[in-house]
Amino acid sequence: MIYYALVFLVVALIAGVLGFSGIAGTAANIAWILFVVGLVLAVVFFVRGRGSSIYLMAGQGRCSHLGCSCTVQEPHAVLQNGKAYCSDGCAAGQGCAHGACSCGQRAATSIRSD
């Protein structure tokens, strides 16, 4: 975004030197808008961070373990390889022990049947 702001700034300067004041003014306004938007986005990403927050945009999401139906709350998430899990068991591929979820029982059954 800042790159394009600089491109429009250069276009505005060249157009101004050549006497194209209308093009120069428009390019300068576009450069200013792109600069402000880029600056705001940079501040937001700096303050919020990027890590797992992309996965948990609203502060919660689904567990990444196959077959798990748990909702992962951001402060309680177990992060592994860029994915969010509801428990250490799901992160290890063994399933969780949460009451409403049966992924731990399914994982134990599939291990025994192998």
C-alpha atoms as a PDB file:
ATOM      1  CA  MET A   1       0.000   0.000   0.000  1.00  0.00           C
ATOM      2  CA  ILE A   2       2.811   2.394   0.870  1.00  0.00           C
ATOM      3  CA  TYR A   3       4.538   1.366  -2.373  1.00  0.00           C
ATOM      4  CA  TYR A   4       1.538   2.516  -4.405  1.00  0.00           C
ATOM      5  CA  ALA A   5       1.361   5.722  -2.396  1.00  0.00           C
ATOM      6  CA  LEU A   6       4.963   6.433  -3.391  1.00  0.00           C
ATOM      7  CA  VAL A   7       4.203   5.590  -7.035  1.00  0.00           C
ATOM      8  CA  PHE A   8       1.314   8.080  -7.095  1.00  0.00           C
ATOM      9  CA  LEU A   9       3.487  10.656  -5.337  1.00  0.00           C
ATOM     10  CA  VAL A  10       6.128  10.337  -8.062  1.00  0.00           C
ATOM     11  CA  VAL A  11       3.418  10.582 -10.740  1.00  0.00           C
ATOM     12  CA  ALA A  12       2.105  13.734  -9.031  1.00  0.00           C
ATOM     13  CA  LEU A  13       5.561  15.291  -8.912  1.00  0.00           C
ATOM     14  CA  ILE A  14       6.304  14.519 -12.560  1.00  0.00           C
ATOM     15  CA  ALA A  15       2.873  15.771 -13.657  1.00  0.00           C
ATOM     16  CA  GLY A  16       3.365  18.944 -11.614  1.00  0.00           C
ATOM     17  CA  VAL A  17       6.759  19.629 -13.178  1.00  0.00           C
ATOM     18  CA  LEU A  18       5.295  19.097 -16.653  1.00  0.00           C
ATOM     19  CA  GLY A  19       2.403  21.480 -15.942  1.00  0.00           C
ATOM     20  CA  PHE A  20      -0.454  18.994 -15.664  1.00  0.00           C
ATOM     21  CA  SER A  21      -1.908  20.449 -12.480  1.00  0.00           C
ATOM     22  CA  GLY A  22      -5.181  18.482 -12.610  1.00  0.00           C
ATOM     23  CA  ILE A  23      -3.419  15.131 -12.896  1.00  0.00           C
ATOM     24  CA  ALA A  24      -0.873  16.202 -10.283  1.00  0.00           C
ATOM     25  CA  GLY A  25      -3.592  17.121  -7.777  1.00  0.00           C
ATOM     26  CA  THR A  26      -5.530  13.904  -8.342  1.00  0.00           C
ATOM     27  CA  ALA A  27      -2.402  11.751  -8.050  1.00  0.00           C
ATOM     28  CA  ALA A  28      -1.359  13.587  -4.879  1.00  0.00           C
ATOM     29  CA  ASN A  29      -4.795  12.985  -3.318  1.00  0.00           C
ATOM     30  CA  ILE A  30      -4.671   9.284  -4.202  1.00  0.00           C
ATOM     31  CA  ALA A  31      -1.138   9.062  -2.770  1.00  0.00           C
ATOM     32  CA  TRP A  32      -2.307  10.678   0.473  1.00  0.00           C
ATOM     33  CA  ILE A  33      -5.310   8.329   0.819  1.00  0.00           C
ATOM     34  CA  LEU A  34      -3.178   5.234   0.167  1.00  0.00           C
ATOM     35  CA  PHE A  35      -0.567   6.441   2.651  1.00  0.00           C
ATOM     36  CA  VAL A  36      -3.139   7.002   5.405  1.00  0.00           C
ATOM     37  CA  VAL A  37      -4.850   3.631   4.785  1.00  0.00           C
ATOM     38  CA  GLY A  38      -1.467   1.857   4.763  1.00  0.00           C
ATOM     39  CA  LEU A  39      -0.438   3.593   7.975  1.00  0.00           C
ATOM     40  CA  VAL A  40      -3.698   2.652   9.725  1.00  0.00           C
ATOM     41  CA  LEU A  41      -3.359  -0.987   8.634  1.00  0.00           C
ATOM     42  CA  ALA A  42       0.267  -1.063   9.797  1.00  0.00           C
ATOM     43  CA  VAL A  43      -0.733   0.228  13.233  1.00  0.00           C
ATOM     44  CA  VAL A  44      -3.617  -2.268  13.497  1.00  0.00           C
ATOM     45  CA  PHE A  45      -1.381  -5.225  12.575  1.00  0.00           C
ATOM     46  CA  PHE A  46       1.332  -4.002  14.930  1.00  0.00           C
ATOM     47  CA  VAL A  47      -1.035  -3.654  17.888  1.00  0.00           C
ATOM     48  CA  ARG A  48      -3.075  -6.789  17.248  1.00  0.00           C
ATOM     49  CA  GLY A  49      -0.310  -9.046  16.000  1.00  0.00           C
ATOM     50  CA  ARG A  50      -0.709 -11.612  13.276  1.00  0.00           C
ATOM     51  CA  GLY A  51      -0.053 -15.121  14.724  1.00  0.00           C
ATOM     52  CA  SER A  52      -3.120 -17.185  15.475  1.00  0.00           C
ATOM     53  CA  SER A  53      -5.403 -14.182  15.589  1.00  0.00           C
ATOM     54  CA  ILE A  54      -6.014 -14.632  11.885  1.00  0.00           C
ATOM     55  CA  TYR A  55      -7.545 -18.040  12.590  1.00  0.00           C
ATOM     56  CA  LEU A  56      -9.442 -16.792  15.638  1.00  0.00           C
ATOM     57  CA  MET A  57     -10.708 -13.547  14.114  1.00  0.00           C
ATOM     58  CA  ALA A  58     -13.699 -13.154  16.411  1.00  0.00           C
ATOM     59  CA  GLY A  59     -11.837 -14.482  19.454  1.00  0.00           C
ATOM     60  CA  GLN A  60     -13.105 -18.006  18.895  1.00  0.00           C
ATOM     61  CA  GLY A  61     -13.077 -20.701  16.249  1.00  0.00           C
ATOM     62  CA  ARG A  62     -13.269 -24.463  15.740  1.00  0.00           C
ATOM     63  CA  CYS A  63     -10.658 -26.898  16.988  1.00  0.00           C
ATOM     64  CA  SER A  64      -8.278 -27.994  14.218  1.00  0.00           C
ATOM     65  CA  HIS A  65      -8.336 -31.651  15.314  1.00  0.00           C
ATOM     66  CA  LEU A  66     -10.135 -33.777  12.736  1.00  0.00           C
ATOM     67  CA  GLY A  67     -13.548 -34.769  14.095  1.00  0.00           C
ATOM     68  CA  CYS A  68     -13.498 -32.428  17.089  1.00  0.00           C
ATOM     69  CA  SER A  69     -16.553 -30.207  17.415  1.00  0.00           C
ATOM     70  CA  CYS A  70     -15.255 -28.011  20.248  1.00  0.00           C
ATOM     71  CA  THR A  71     -15.194 -24.240  20.056  1.00  0.00           C
ATOM     72  CA  VAL A  72     -11.770 -22.791  20.832  1.00  0.00           C
ATOM     73  CA  GLN A  73     -11.651 -19.613  22.910  1.00  0.00           C
ATOM     74  CA  GLU A  74      -8.588 -17.503  22.079  1.00  0.00           C
ATOM     75  CA  PRO A  75      -7.137 -17.236  25.612  1.00  0.00           C
ATOM     76  CA  HIS A  76      -7.473 -21.013  26.136  1.00  0.00           C
ATOM     77  CA  ALA A  77      -6.277 -22.176  22.715  1.00  0.00           C
ATOM     78  CA  VAL A  78      -3.369 -24.585  22.401  1.00  0.00           C
ATOM     79  CA  LEU A  79      -1.361 -23.346  19.434  1.00  0.00           C
ATOM     80  CA  GLN A  80       0.730 -25.795  17.442  1.00  0.00           C
ATOM     81  CA  ASN A  81       2.104 -25.366  13.902  1.00  0.00           C
ATOM     82  CA  GLY A  82      -0.078 -22.316  13.304  1.00  0.00           C
ATOM     83  CA  LYS A  83      -3.294 -24.140  14.224  1.00  0.00           C
ATOM     84  CA  ALA A  84      -5.515 -23.719  17.267  1.00  0.00           C
ATOM     85  CA  TYR A  85      -6.693 -26.703  19.308  1.00  0.00           C
ATOM     86  CA  CYS A  86      -9.103 -26.957  22.236  1.00  0.00           C
ATOM     87  CA  SER A  87      -6.758 -29.093  24.380  1.00  0.00           C
ATOM     88  CA  ASP A  88      -3.321 -30.683  24.528  1.00  0.00           C
ATOM     89  CA  GLY A  89      -4.929 -34.009  23.627  1.00  0.00           C
ATOM     90  CA  CYS A  90      -6.320 -32.683  20.354  1.00  0.00           C
ATOM     91  CA  ALA A  91      -2.983 -31.022  19.561  1.00  0.00           C
ATOM     92  CA  ALA A  92      -1.284 -34.410  20.062  1.00  0.00           C
ATOM     93  CA  GLY A  93      -3.889 -36.140  17.858  1.00  0.00           C
ATOM     94  CA  GLN A  94      -5.458 -38.116  20.723  1.00  0.00           C
ATOM     95  CA  GLY A  95      -8.681 -36.148  21.071  1.00  0.00           C
ATOM     96  CA  CYS A  96     -10.048 -34.202  23.992  1.00  0.00           C
ATOM     97  CA  ALA A  97     -11.932 -35.174  27.110  1.00  0.00           C
ATOM     98  CA  HIS A  98     -14.582 -32.457  26.919  1.00  0.00           C
ATOM     99  CA  GLY A  99     -18.011 -33.722  27.916  1.00  0.00           C
ATOM    100  CA  ALA A 100     -20.001 -32.840  24.811  1.00  0.00           C
ATOM    101  CA  CYS A 101     -17.310 -33.931  22.340  1.00  0.00           C
ATOM    102  CA  SER A 102     -16.591 -37.539  21.468  1.00  0.00           C
ATOM    103  CA  CYS A 103     -13.422 -37.045  19.412  1.00  0.00           C
ATOM    104  CA  GLY A 104     -11.334 -38.591  22.206  1.00  0.00           C
ATOM    105  CA  GLN A 105     -13.446 -41.749  22.126  1.00  0.00           C
ATOM    106  CA  ARG A 106     -13.236 -41.890  18.319  1.00  0.00           C
ATOM    107  CA  ALA A 107      -9.445 -41.441  18.439  1.00  0.00           C
ATOM    108  CA  ALA A 108      -9.103 -44.228  21.032  1.00  0.00           C
ATOM    109  CA  THR A 109     -11.346 -46.537  18.963  1.00  0.00           C
ATOM    110  CA  SER A 110      -9.394 -45.898  15.745  1.00  0.00           C
ATOM    111  CA  ILE A 111      -6.082 -46.535  17.537  1.00  0.00           C
ATOM    112  CA  ARG A 112      -7.355 -49.838  18.969  1.00  0.00           C
ATOM    113  CA  SER A 113      -8.769 -50.998  15.620  1.00  0.00           C
ATOM    114  CA  ASP A 114      -5.440 -50.471  13.791  1.00  0.00           C
END
